[in-house]
Amino acid sequence: MINRRFLLIAGAVILIGVMTFSSLHLLPLQNFLSIQQKPEQAPQKVYDYYIIIDEQSGAELMYVPLVVSIGDEVLSEDNKLYEVVRVEENQAYARFKKDIKLDN
């Protein structure tokens, strides 16, 4: 009698466990993970040209027919290296990094 009752309880526990495990895929994964994802940035509008401006002096360095992004490097005609730090519409503001010496 005890053996039969034990088998019945064990069978019910196993059946409930299998049903619970097989239905886990229905739950959203967000309930188990606390990882926060970065918010998506709005896509940058593409212009026909960009004006590269010296961040410190406000002087126009050049016009480029390429899409400019933060982190891009620009070499001016007087061999000064700049890095783009901000883009607003078709104006990219660049920060001076260093003078470049070219060997002849």
Protein backbone atom coordinates (compact mmCIF):
# COMPACT_ATOMS: atom_id res chain seq x y z
CA MET A 1 0.00 0.00 0.00
CA ILE A 2 2.80 2.45 0.94
CA ASN A 3 4.79 1.45 -2.11
CA ARG A 4 1.81 2.13 -4.39
CA ARG A 5 1.13 5.51 -2.77
CA PHE A 6 4.82 6.44 -3.12
CA LEU A 7 4.79 5.55 -6.82
CA LEU A 8 1.63 7.59 -7.39
CA ILE A 9 3.08 10.68 -5.65
CA ALA A 10 6.44 10.32 -7.43
CA GLY A 11 4.69 9.94 -10.79
CA ALA A 12 2.59 13.07 -10.15
CA VAL A 13 5.68 15.07 -9.14
CA ILE A 14 7.56 13.94 -12.25
CA LEU A 15 4.58 14.72 -14.50
CA ILE A 16 4.19 18.22 -13.01
CA GLY A 17 7.95 18.82 -13.35
CA VAL A 18 7.97 17.81 -17.02
CA MET A 19 4.93 19.98 -17.77
CA THR A 20 6.49 22.97 -15.98
CA PHE A 21 9.86 22.56 -17.71
CA SER A 22 8.25 22.17 -21.14
CA SER A 23 6.23 25.39 -20.72
CA LEU A 24 9.20 27.62 -19.77
CA HIS A 25 9.65 28.70 -23.39
CA LEU A 26 6.31 30.51 -23.16
CA LEU A 27 7.58 32.94 -20.51
CA PRO A 28 9.30 36.15 -21.61
CA LEU A 29 13.06 35.99 -21.23
CA GLN A 30 13.08 39.47 -19.67
CA ASN A 31 11.75 38.00 -16.42
CA PHE A 32 14.96 36.01 -15.96
CA LEU A 33 17.58 38.48 -17.19
CA SER A 34 18.30 41.87 -15.70
CA ILE A 35 20.54 43.02 -18.56
CA GLN A 36 19.59 46.46 -19.82
CA GLN A 37 20.14 47.13 -23.47
CA LYS A 38 21.32 50.46 -24.87
CA PRO A 39 18.56 52.59 -26.28
CA GLU A 40 18.70 52.77 -30.04
CA GLN A 41 19.94 56.05 -31.42
CA ALA A 42 17.90 57.83 -34.02
CA PRO A 43 19.48 57.43 -37.45
CA GLN A 44 21.53 60.38 -38.55
CA LYS A 45 20.09 62.36 -41.45
CA VAL A 46 22.41 62.24 -44.47
CA TYR A 47 23.36 65.51 -46.15
CA ASP A 48 25.02 66.20 -49.52
CA TYR A 49 28.04 67.70 -47.77
CA TYR A 50 29.33 68.41 -44.27
CA ILE A 51 31.18 71.48 -43.01
CA ILE A 52 34.04 70.61 -40.67
CA ILE A 53 34.45 73.37 -38.07
CA ASP A 54 37.27 73.85 -35.56
CA GLU A 55 35.61 73.43 -32.17
CA GLN A 56 37.84 75.97 -30.44
CA SER A 57 38.09 78.81 -32.97
CA GLY A 58 34.91 78.23 -34.96
CA ALA A 59 36.87 78.43 -38.22
CA GLU A 60 35.67 76.36 -41.16
CA LEU A 61 38.30 73.75 -41.94
CA MET A 62 36.78 72.12 -45.00
CA TYR A 63 33.69 70.89 -46.80
CA VAL A 64 33.43 67.14 -47.38
CA PRO A 65 30.96 65.21 -49.57
CA LEU A 66 31.00 62.27 -47.14
CA VAL A 67 28.88 61.29 -44.15
CA VAL A 68 30.73 62.44 -41.02
CA SER A 69 30.46 60.62 -37.69
CA ILE A 70 31.80 61.22 -34.20
CA GLY A 71 35.32 59.82 -33.92
CA ASP A 72 36.26 60.48 -37.55
CA GLU A 73 39.68 62.02 -38.04
CA VAL A 74 40.31 64.93 -40.39
CA LEU A 75 43.67 66.17 -41.68
CA SER A 76 43.56 69.83 -42.63
CA GLU A 77 45.53 71.35 -45.50
CA ASP A 78 48.08 72.74 -43.05
CA ASN A 79 48.73 69.20 -41.67
CA LYS A 80 46.78 69.49 -38.43
CA LEU A 81 44.95 66.39 -37.27
CA TYR A 82 41.45 66.87 -35.86
CA GLU A 83 38.89 64.46 -34.42
CA VAL A 84 35.15 64.97 -34.91
CA VAL A 85 33.52 65.31 -31.48
CA ARG A 86 30.03 66.55 -32.34
CA VAL A 87 27.75 66.52 -35.39
CA GLU A 88 24.78 68.88 -35.67
CA GLU A 89 22.87 68.65 -38.93
CA ASN A 90 25.50 69.14 -41.65
CA GLN A 91 28.05 70.77 -39.34
CA ALA A 92 30.73 68.62 -37.73
CA TYR A 93 32.79 70.11 -34.92
CA ALA A 94 36.35 68.82 -34.73
CA ARG A 95 38.87 69.04 -31.88
CA PHE A 96 42.56 69.58 -32.61
CA LYS A 97 44.70 66.52 -31.75
CA LYS A 98 48.21 67.13 -33.07
CA ASP A 99 50.39 68.55 -35.83
CA ILE A 100 51.47 66.04 -38.46
CA LYS A 101 54.96 66.36 -39.94
CA LEU A 102 55.22 64.93 -43.43
CA ASP A 103 58.62 63.81 -44.73
CA ASN A 104 59.56 65.03 -48.21
